[in-house]
Amino acid sequence: MLVGSRTASVVMLLTLAVAGCGKRDLQLGGGGRIDVDGGPGGIGGAGATDAASGDGGATLPPLDASVLPTDAAESACVTAVVLLPWMKPSSALARLDVATAGDTVAVMNRQPDMLDVRTYTRDGAAIAGFQFAADAQFLPYRDGRFLLVTRGVTGAFSATAIDPDLVGGTRLYGGAATVTEHVLGALPLATSTLLITDERFVNVGGDHAATWSTILGAADAETFESGRLYGIAAQDDRVLIAWGTNDVLRLAALDTSGALVARAEQTGFFNSVGSTTASAISWGSGLLLFDGSDNSLGGNAVRLTQIGFDLSLTALGGNKQLRTFYRTAPRVAAIALQRQPVAFWLTVFPEDDNSQGFTTHQLHGCLLDLAAPSPCLATAAIAATGLGGYGIAEEPVAAAAFPDAAAFAIAHTDVNGRSWLRVANLGCATRPPGP
């Protein structure tokens, strides 16, 4: 059930100090610099995305520090709220990602021409903002730092352990890059980082790379360029990659040097809407894949599939409780929260009639039992969004758990085109009554 709003205050997006708003060069260990990847001006500068482009000049909230009363759109699970500086509909909000490091959180807005990164404390206070190259990868790392993989001044890939203020950093390692390739995803290992590009498999720091035409053959090399990457997982010296085009699920197992161990594909795995929102997280001995291809209720329920490093597929079933408008499929943001799988998506729940496109959808979390995922072990209301209809599939939702804590950060949008960051826990989660 929906949980009522709190009466406590929440923190809105704060402005950065004057010293953090000028053009900065990201300092690397050894005196290097990658200022060509940094956007000119940070928050409020010429390269910032605070003003939506191409949408008639939408007016955004001011960035002055302020405290707002809690609105009625969030639940008691939420402990901090940030109104993000990006709006929909516009090209200024293409895709949201979230990463955590220590007690800080980074929200990334990936646009066609840049990666806009904003960092915050766990209680919602703004730390910094900066813009990097469009295919830069910003990942959780260790010791309260993030991992930035981007192209340095020479054009080669460079991996940097970067502080949450986005100023201090230590260069870790690098690797050659081609001028034409575009990074689709990344996975940090102990001493290197794996990059999946539309041209190659690259082990940055491990000094290994191979083209997809060499690994998969010329006929399938273009599937990374035309399809979507769903997820990457690593175990020992094995790497599992899941991607696809149209209704086809494609899988490959490689070693960390890029040599092919096994490959598989399954035509007809996705229905007409499932592949457009599918995503996978590293879980157990492989990947846990979420997609909207469960038609058993006459709609597109969220379906779960375990993918093994041996490329086996184990159908876990679909969730029948948190339903979405039946002619579309939601984007699912899944995390491992204290070693339990929790997934978030837009749903008509607590209503069960998903046949009306105008039924508003709320952002809920579902604590999952992978042995029986049809009902949630517990549900948690995160925010009322007012969203509905076919557009559900286009609304970004991204989440990340805080290390060693029963809390998470989640980014999403609402019907008014605003984007939000919420820090929450499952303290308000509702469990079904016992037998």
Protein backbone atom coordinates (compact mmCIF):
# COMPACT_ATOMS: atom_id res chain seq x y z
CA MET A 1 0.00 0.00 0.00
CA LEU A 2 1.05 3.59 -0.49
CA VAL A 3 2.64 5.10 2.55
CA GLY A 4 1.70 8.63 3.57
CA SER A 5 4.10 11.53 3.27
CA ARG A 6 6.39 12.61 6.08
CA THR A 7 6.39 16.04 7.68
CA ALA A 8 10.14 16.37 7.91
CA SER A 9 12.02 18.72 5.60
CA VAL A 10 14.13 17.57 2.71
CA VAL A 11 17.11 19.14 1.04
CA MET A 12 16.82 20.53 -2.48
CA LEU A 13 19.76 20.71 -4.86
CA LEU A 14 22.35 23.14 -3.44
CA THR A 15 24.56 25.48 -5.36
CA LEU A 16 28.30 24.84 -5.39
CA ALA A 17 30.76 27.19 -3.80
CA VAL A 18 32.14 29.90 -6.10
CA ALA A 19 35.51 28.20 -6.17
CA GLY A 20 33.94 25.05 -7.59
CA CYS A 21 32.12 26.77 -10.44
CA GLY A 22 35.00 27.91 -12.57
CA LYS A 23 36.62 25.84 -15.27
CA ARG A 24 38.67 23.11 -13.65
CA ASP A 25 41.23 20.59 -14.78
CA LEU A 26 40.89 17.14 -13.23
CA GLN A 27 44.26 16.60 -11.56
CA LEU A 28 45.72 13.15 -11.98
CA GLY A 29 48.54 11.39 -10.23
CA GLY A 30 51.87 12.26 -11.79
CA GLY A 31 50.76 15.76 -12.74
CA GLY A 32 48.62 14.69 -15.70
CA ARG A 33 45.42 16.41 -16.74
CA ILE A 34 42.38 15.45 -18.76
CA ASP A 35 40.73 18.83 -19.03
CA VAL A 36 39.64 18.00 -22.58
CA ASP A 37 37.07 15.66 -21.03
CA GLY A 38 35.83 18.09 -18.41
CA GLY A 39 32.97 20.37 -19.32
CA PRO A 40 33.60 24.11 -19.27
CA GLY A 41 32.21 25.59 -16.13
CA GLY A 42 30.87 22.83 -13.88
CA ILE A 43 27.45 23.63 -12.49
CA GLY A 44 26.21 26.89 -13.95
CA GLY A 45 28.97 27.10 -16.57
CA ALA A 46 28.58 27.22 -20.29
CA GLY A 47 28.69 23.45 -20.57
CA ALA A 48 26.16 22.72 -17.85
CA THR A 49 22.81 21.16 -18.66
CA ASP A 50 20.74 23.08 -16.15
CA ALA A 51 18.79 24.68 -19.00
CA ALA A 52 16.89 22.23 -21.12
CA SER A 53 17.70 22.55 -24.79
CA GLY A 54 15.33 22.19 -27.71
CA ASP A 55 12.18 22.29 -25.59
CA GLY A 56 11.18 25.92 -25.85
CA GLY A 57 13.37 27.12 -22.99
CA ALA A 58 11.88 25.31 -20.02
CA THR A 59 12.47 27.17 -16.76
CA LEU A 60 14.26 25.17 -14.08
CA PRO A 61 14.32 25.78 -10.33
CA PRO A 62 17.06 28.11 -9.08
CA LEU A 63 20.16 26.46 -7.67
CA ASP A 64 20.21 28.59 -4.53
CA ALA A 65 20.55 26.59 -1.32
CA SER A 66 17.14 26.09 0.24
CA VAL A 67 15.14 23.71 2.37
CA LEU A 68 11.70 22.73 1.14
CA PRO A 69 8.88 21.07 3.04
CA THR A 70 8.31 17.47 2.12
CA ASP A 71 5.87 17.15 -0.73
CA ALA A 72 3.21 14.49 -0.85
CA ALA A 73 5.01 12.55 -3.54
CA GLU A 74 7.32 10.48 -1.40
CA SER A 75 6.99 7.86 1.28
CA ALA A 76 8.30 7.27 4.76
CA CYS A 77 11.07 5.13 3.26
CA VAL A 78 12.70 8.28 1.89
CA THR A 79 15.28 10.07 4.06
CA ALA A 80 16.61 12.70 1.63
CA VAL A 81 15.36 14.25 -1.61
CA VAL A 82 17.22 16.24 -4.27
CA LEU A 83 15.52 17.99 -7.18
CA LEU A 84 17.97 17.37 -10.01
CA PRO A 85 18.77 20.05 -12.63
CA TRP A 86 17.58 18.07 -15.65
CA MET A 87 14.17 18.16 -17.29
CA LYS A 88 12.10 16.02 -19.63
CA PRO A 89 11.04 16.10 -22.38
CA SER A 90 14.27 17.37 -23.89
CA SER A 91 17.61 16.14 -25.12
CA ALA A 92 19.00 17.25 -21.75
CA LEU A 93 17.74 14.05 -20.10
CA ALA A 94 18.59 10.96 -22.09
CA ARG A 95 19.57 8.37 -19.48
CA LEU A 96 20.15 8.38 -15.73
CA ASP A 97 22.67 6.27 -13.83
CA VAL A 98 23.54 6.14 -10.14
CA ALA A 99 26.70 5.05 -8.29
CA THR A 100 27.64 5.14 -4.62
CA ALA A 101 31.00 5.37 -2.85
CA GLY A 102 31.14 5.44 0.92
CA ASP A 103 28.46 7.88 2.07
CA THR A 104 28.31 9.77 -1.22
CA VAL A 105 26.23 9.27 -4.33
CA ALA A 106 26.82 10.26 -7.95
CA VAL A 107 23.98 10.79 -10.42
CA MET A 108 24.91 10.67 -14.10
CA ASN A 109 22.88 12.09 -16.95
CA ARG A 110 24.22 10.47 -20.12
CA GLN A 111 23.51 12.69 -23.11
CA PRO A 112 24.55 12.27 -26.75
CA ASP A 113 27.40 14.76 -26.39
CA MET A 114 28.46 14.51 -22.73
CA LEU A 115 28.22 12.69 -19.41
CA ASP A 116 26.96 15.16 -16.80
CA VAL A 117 27.91 14.03 -13.26
CA ARG A 118 26.60 15.49 -9.99
CA THR A 119 27.70 14.23 -6.57
CA TYR A 120 25.88 14.52 -3.21
CA THR A 121 26.22 13.45 0.38
CA ARG A 122 23.91 10.80 1.71
CA ASP A 123 21.74 13.49 3.32
CA GLY A 124 21.26 15.29 -0.01
CA ALA A 125 23.82 18.11 0.18
CA ALA A 126 25.47 18.94 -3.15
CA ILE A 127 29.21 18.34 -3.48
CA ALA A 128 30.21 18.95 -7.09
CA GLY A 129 29.28 18.78 -10.76
CA PHE A 130 31.31 18.25 -13.92
CA GLN A 131 30.85 17.19 -17.53
CA PHE A 132 32.95 14.51 -19.23
CA ALA A 133 33.11 12.91 -22.65
CA ALA A 134 29.90 11.29 -23.86
CA ASP A 135 31.06 7.68 -23.41
CA ALA A 136 33.01 8.21 -20.17
CA GLN A 137 32.27 5.59 -17.50
CA PHE A 138 31.72 6.67 -13.88
CA LEU A 139 31.67 3.70 -11.50
CA PRO A 140 31.87 2.84 -7.79
CA TYR A 141 35.39 2.12 -6.62
CA ARG A 142 36.88 1.79 -3.13
CA ASP A 143 37.93 3.90 -0.14
CA GLY A 144 35.07 6.34 -0.70
CA ARG A 145 36.16 7.18 -4.26
CA PHE A 146 34.70 6.67 -7.71
CA LEU A 147 36.34 5.23 -10.82
CA LEU A 148 36.37 7.40 -13.93
CA VAL A 149 37.32 5.79 -17.23
CA THR A 150 37.58 8.25 -20.08
CA ARG A 151 39.91 9.37 -22.84
CA GLY A 152 42.95 11.42 -21.84
CA VAL A 153 44.67 14.15 -23.82
CA THR A 154 46.29 11.56 -26.09
CA GLY A 155 42.95 9.94 -26.92
CA ALA A 156 43.81 6.75 -25.05
CA PHE A 157 41.64 5.29 -22.29
CA SER A 158 42.64 6.40 -18.81
CA ALA A 159 41.30 5.06 -15.49
CA THR A 160 41.33 7.43 -12.53
CA ALA A 161 40.30 6.98 -8.89
CA ILE A 162 38.47 10.24 -8.30
CA ASP A 163 37.23 11.92 -5.13
CA PRO A 164 33.55 12.90 -4.75
CA ASP A 165 34.54 16.57 -5.22
CA LEU A 166 35.52 15.60 -8.79
CA VAL A 167 38.80 17.51 -8.40
CA GLY A 168 41.31 15.22 -6.69
CA GLY A 169 42.21 12.02 -8.49
CA THR A 170 44.90 9.38 -8.93
CA ARG A 171 45.60 7.88 -12.33
CA LEU A 172 45.56 4.10 -12.07
CA TYR A 173 46.25 2.74 -15.55
CA GLY A 174 45.47 3.27 -19.22
CA GLY A 175 45.01 1.54 -22.55
CA ALA A 176 44.84 2.25 -26.26
CA ALA A 177 41.56 3.36 -27.85
CA THR A 178 40.38 3.76 -31.42
CA VAL A 179 39.03 7.06 -32.69
CA THR A 180 35.71 5.59 -33.81
CA GLU A 181 34.71 3.25 -30.98
CA HIS A 182 32.05 4.15 -28.40
CA VAL A 183 32.02 2.65 -24.91
CA LEU A 184 28.77 0.86 -24.07
CA GLY A 185 29.56 -0.39 -20.57
CA ALA A 186 32.31 -1.07 -18.06
CA LEU A 187 33.11 -3.44 -15.19
CA PRO A 188 35.93 -2.75 -12.71
CA LEU A 189 38.12 -5.68 -11.64
CA ALA A 190 40.76 -5.77 -8.91
CA THR A 191 43.58 -4.32 -11.01
CA SER A 192 41.95 -3.39 -14.33
CA THR A 193 38.65 -2.39 -15.91
CA LEU A 194 36.77 -4.19 -18.65
CA LEU A 195 35.23 -2.04 -21.37
CA ILE A 196 32.61 -3.20 -23.83
CA THR A 197 32.67 -0.91 -26.86
CA ASP A 198 30.74 -1.13 -30.10
CA GLU A 199 33.98 -2.30 -31.77
CA ARG A 200 36.05 -4.17 -29.20
CA PHE A 201 36.46 -5.94 -25.88
CA VAL A 202 39.09 -3.96 -23.95
CA ASN A 203 40.85 -4.83 -20.69
CA VAL A 204 42.18 -1.42 -19.65
CA GLY A 205 45.11 -1.98 -17.33
CA GLY A 206 45.43 -5.61 -18.38
CA ASP A 207 46.83 -4.59 -21.78
CA HIS A 208 44.43 -6.84 -23.69
CA ALA A 209 41.95 -6.02 -26.45
CA ALA A 210 40.21 -7.82 -29.29
CA THR A 211 37.72 -6.75 -31.96
CA TRP A 212 34.26 -8.29 -32.04
CA SER A 213 34.89 -9.49 -35.56
CA THR A 214 37.84 -11.50 -34.22
CA ILE A 215 35.88 -12.81 -31.22
CA LEU A 216 32.47 -13.44 -32.79
CA GLY A 217 33.10 -13.37 -36.52
CA ALA A 218 32.30 -10.67 -39.03
CA ALA A 219 28.61 -11.55 -39.28
CA ASP A 220 27.91 -10.82 -35.60
CA ALA A 221 30.42 -8.03 -35.01
CA GLU A 222 27.84 -5.32 -35.72
CA THR A 223 25.33 -6.58 -33.15
CA PHE A 224 26.98 -4.46 -30.45
CA GLU A 225 26.50 -1.37 -32.58
CA SER A 226 22.90 -2.11 -33.54
CA GLY A 227 21.74 -3.78 -30.31
CA ARG A 228 21.70 -3.07 -26.57
CA LEU A 229 24.10 -4.19 -23.85
CA TYR A 230 22.10 -5.68 -20.95
CA GLY A 231 24.82 -6.56 -18.46
CA ILE A 232 28.37 -7.73 -17.67
CA ALA A 233 29.61 -10.00 -14.89
CA ALA A 234 33.04 -11.41 -14.00
CA GLN A 235 34.11 -14.40 -11.95
CA ASP A 236 37.74 -15.46 -11.61
CA ASP A 237 39.10 -15.29 -15.18
CA ARG A 238 35.68 -15.48 -16.88
CA VAL A 239 33.56 -12.64 -18.22
CA LEU A 240 29.86 -13.03 -19.04
CA ILE A 241 28.24 -10.59 -21.47
CA ALA A 242 24.54 -10.33 -22.31
CA TRP A 243 23.29 -8.17 -25.17
CA GLY A 244 20.67 -8.36 -27.87
CA THR A 245 18.93 -7.07 -30.95
CA ASN A 246 15.15 -7.12 -31.46
CA ASP A 247 13.84 -10.40 -30.01
CA VAL A 248 17.24 -12.13 -29.82
CA LEU A 249 19.15 -12.62 -26.57
CA ARG A 250 22.88 -13.02 -27.22
CA LEU A 251 25.39 -14.35 -24.70
CA ALA A 252 29.15 -14.76 -24.69
CA ALA A 253 31.68 -16.02 -22.17
CA LEU A 254 35.24 -14.75 -22.59
CA ASP A 255 38.41 -14.85 -20.59
CA THR A 256 39.81 -11.56 -19.35
CA SER A 257 42.10 -11.29 -22.38
CA GLY A 258 39.14 -11.39 -24.77
CA ALA A 259 39.42 -14.99 -25.96
CA LEU A 260 36.05 -16.61 -26.66
CA VAL A 261 35.11 -19.49 -24.34
CA ALA A 262 31.51 -20.01 -25.43
CA ARG A 263 28.64 -18.20 -27.09
CA ALA A 264 24.91 -18.67 -27.51
CA GLU A 265 21.84 -16.91 -28.81
CA GLN A 266 18.13 -17.46 -28.43
CA THR A 267 15.77 -16.08 -31.04
CA GLY A 268 12.32 -15.20 -29.76
CA PHE A 269 13.48 -14.75 -26.17
CA PHE A 270 11.96 -11.25 -25.95
CA ASN A 271 8.52 -10.12 -27.01
CA SER A 272 7.94 -6.89 -28.94
CA VAL A 273 8.53 -4.64 -25.92
CA GLY A 274 10.74 -6.68 -23.60
CA SER A 275 14.12 -6.08 -25.22
CA THR A 276 13.78 -2.29 -25.20
CA THR A 277 13.90 -2.09 -21.40
CA ALA A 278 15.82 -5.26 -20.46
CA SER A 279 18.69 -4.96 -17.98
CA ALA A 280 20.83 -7.31 -15.92
CA ILE A 281 22.89 -7.13 -12.74
CA SER A 282 25.69 -9.35 -11.53
CA TRP A 283 24.14 -11.94 -9.23
CA GLY A 284 25.27 -15.29 -7.89
CA SER A 285 27.09 -17.27 -10.53
CA GLY A 286 26.20 -15.02 -13.44
CA LEU A 287 23.65 -12.35 -14.35
CA LEU A 288 20.11 -11.72 -13.18
CA LEU A 289 18.14 -10.45 -16.18
CA PHE A 290 14.94 -8.38 -15.91
CA ASP A 291 12.66 -7.76 -18.88
CA GLY A 292 8.99 -7.14 -19.65
CA SER A 293 8.29 -10.23 -21.71
CA ASP A 294 6.01 -12.16 -19.34
CA ASN A 295 2.65 -12.33 -21.16
CA SER A 296 0.99 -14.78 -18.78
CA LEU A 297 -1.42 -12.12 -17.45
CA GLY A 298 -2.21 -10.67 -20.85
CA GLY A 299 0.28 -7.89 -20.22
CA ASN A 300 4.01 -7.45 -19.85
CA ALA A 301 4.88 -8.41 -16.31
CA VAL A 302 8.49 -8.08 -15.19
CA ARG A 303 10.22 -11.40 -15.89
CA LEU A 304 13.37 -12.72 -14.19
CA THR A 305 15.97 -15.02 -15.75
CA GLN A 306 19.22 -16.28 -14.21
CA ILE A 307 22.08 -16.51 -16.73
CA GLY A 308 25.04 -18.70 -15.78
CA PHE A 309 28.66 -18.38 -16.79
CA ASP A 310 28.08 -21.62 -18.69
CA LEU A 311 25.43 -19.63 -20.67
CA SER A 312 22.59 -21.61 -19.14
CA LEU A 313 19.22 -19.86 -18.82
CA THR A 314 17.04 -20.52 -15.79
CA ALA A 315 13.53 -19.08 -16.00
CA LEU A 316 12.63 -17.81 -12.52
CA GLY A 317 9.16 -16.52 -13.42
CA GLY A 318 7.42 -13.16 -13.54
CA ASN A 319 6.26 -10.76 -10.86
CA LYS A 320 2.45 -10.64 -10.88
CA GLN A 321 2.05 -8.11 -8.06
CA LEU A 322 3.60 -4.84 -9.30
CA ARG A 323 1.87 -4.52 -12.67
CA THR A 324 2.43 -1.90 -15.37
CA PHE A 325 0.27 -0.66 -18.25
CA TYR A 326 -0.07 -3.84 -20.26
CA ARG A 327 0.91 -2.37 -23.64
CA THR A 328 4.37 -1.35 -22.55
CA ALA A 329 7.14 -2.49 -20.21
CA PRO A 330 8.87 -0.63 -17.37
CA ARG A 331 12.54 0.03 -16.89
CA VAL A 332 13.80 -1.97 -13.92
CA ALA A 333 16.55 -0.76 -11.59
CA ALA A 334 17.81 -3.72 -9.55
CA ILE A 335 20.33 -3.76 -6.69
CA ALA A 336 21.77 -6.18 -4.17
CA LEU A 337 20.77 -4.72 -0.80
CA GLN A 338 22.55 -6.56 2.00
CA ARG A 339 22.76 -9.63 -0.23
CA GLN A 340 19.08 -9.58 -1.11
CA PRO A 341 17.74 -8.70 -4.58
CA VAL A 342 15.56 -5.59 -4.66
CA ALA A 343 14.10 -4.18 -7.88
CA PHE A 344 12.38 -0.88 -8.55
CA TRP A 345 10.00 0.02 -11.36
CA LEU A 346 6.95 2.12 -12.22
CA THR A 347 3.74 0.30 -11.40
CA VAL A 348 0.00 0.80 -10.94
CA PHE A 349 0.33 -0.97 -7.58
CA PRO A 350 -1.50 -0.99 -5.19
CA GLU A 351 -4.12 -1.04 -7.96
CA ASP A 352 -4.32 -4.25 -9.99
CA ASP A 353 -6.09 -2.95 -13.10
CA ASN A 354 -3.36 -2.24 -15.64
CA SER A 355 -5.65 -2.05 -18.68
CA GLN A 356 -6.00 1.74 -18.65
CA GLY A 357 -3.21 3.81 -20.16
CA PHE A 358 -4.14 6.83 -18.04
CA THR A 359 -3.72 4.99 -14.71
CA THR A 360 -0.94 6.75 -12.84
CA HIS A 361 2.15 4.77 -11.97
CA GLN A 362 4.11 4.96 -8.75
CA LEU A 363 7.75 4.05 -8.13
CA HIS A 364 7.86 1.00 -5.89
CA GLY A 365 10.54 -1.33 -4.65
CA CYS A 366 10.06 -5.10 -4.59
CA LEU A 367 12.08 -7.34 -2.27
CA LEU A 368 12.38 -10.52 -4.29
CA ASP A 369 12.41 -14.21 -3.48
CA LEU A 370 14.09 -15.65 -6.56
CA ALA A 371 12.59 -19.06 -5.85
CA ALA A 372 9.10 -17.56 -6.13
CA PRO A 373 9.19 -14.01 -7.56
CA SER A 374 5.48 -13.78 -8.42
CA PRO A 375 4.66 -11.86 -5.23
CA CYS A 376 7.18 -9.56 -3.56
CA LEU A 377 8.44 -10.55 -0.14
CA ALA A 378 7.83 -6.90 0.71
CA THR A 379 6.91 -3.75 -1.21
CA ALA A 380 8.11 -0.21 -0.55
CA ALA A 381 6.55 2.94 -1.97
CA ILE A 382 9.30 5.33 -3.06
CA ALA A 383 7.50 8.12 -4.93
CA ALA A 384 4.26 9.05 -6.66
CA THR A 385 5.16 10.12 -10.19
CA GLY A 386 1.86 10.76 -11.97
CA LEU A 387 3.20 8.92 -15.03
CA GLY A 388 1.13 6.63 -17.22
CA GLY A 389 0.62 5.25 -20.71
CA TYR A 390 3.12 4.10 -23.28
CA GLY A 391 5.74 6.57 -22.04
CA ILE A 392 6.51 4.35 -19.04
CA ALA A 393 9.09 2.53 -21.16
CA GLU A 394 10.94 5.80 -21.80
CA GLU A 395 11.14 6.96 -18.18
CA PRO A 396 14.59 6.41 -16.66
CA VAL A 397 14.95 4.69 -13.29
CA ALA A 398 18.38 4.00 -11.79
CA ALA A 399 19.47 2.82 -8.34
CA ALA A 400 22.54 1.86 -6.32
CA ALA A 401 22.97 0.50 -2.81
CA PHE A 402 25.22 2.18 -0.28
CA PRO A 403 28.10 -0.10 0.77
CA ASP A 404 27.61 -1.80 4.14
CA ALA A 405 24.24 -0.14 4.73
CA ALA A 406 20.58 -0.98 4.34
CA ALA A 407 20.06 2.16 2.27
CA PHE A 408 20.06 3.02 -1.41
CA ALA A 409 19.92 5.96 -3.80
CA ILE A 410 17.43 6.08 -6.66
CA ALA A 411 16.93 8.55 -9.52
CA HIS A 412 13.71 8.91 -11.50
CA THR A 413 11.42 11.36 -13.30
CA ASP A 414 7.84 12.55 -12.85
CA VAL A 415 4.89 13.62 -15.00
CA ASN A 416 6.01 17.27 -14.89
CA GLY A 417 9.33 16.41 -16.53
CA ARG A 418 11.39 16.88 -13.38
CA SER A 419 14.13 14.48 -12.30
CA TRP A 420 14.73 13.46 -8.69
CA LEU A 421 17.30 11.76 -6.50
CA ARG A 422 15.96 10.07 -3.40
CA VAL A 423 17.91 8.33 -0.65
CA ALA A 424 15.80 5.67 1.04
CA ASN A 425 15.66 2.38 2.90
CA LEU A 426 13.13 -0.40 3.28
CA GLY A 427 12.04 0.71 6.75
CA CYS A 428 8.51 1.39 5.50
CA ALA A 429 8.27 -1.80 3.44
CA THR A 430 4.93 -3.61 3.65
CA ARG A 431 4.95 -7.38 3.89
CA PRO A 432 1.95 -9.52 2.98
CA PRO A 433 0.02 -11.00 5.88
CA GLY A 434 1.12 -14.41 7.01
CA PRO A 435 -0.89 -17.60 6.42
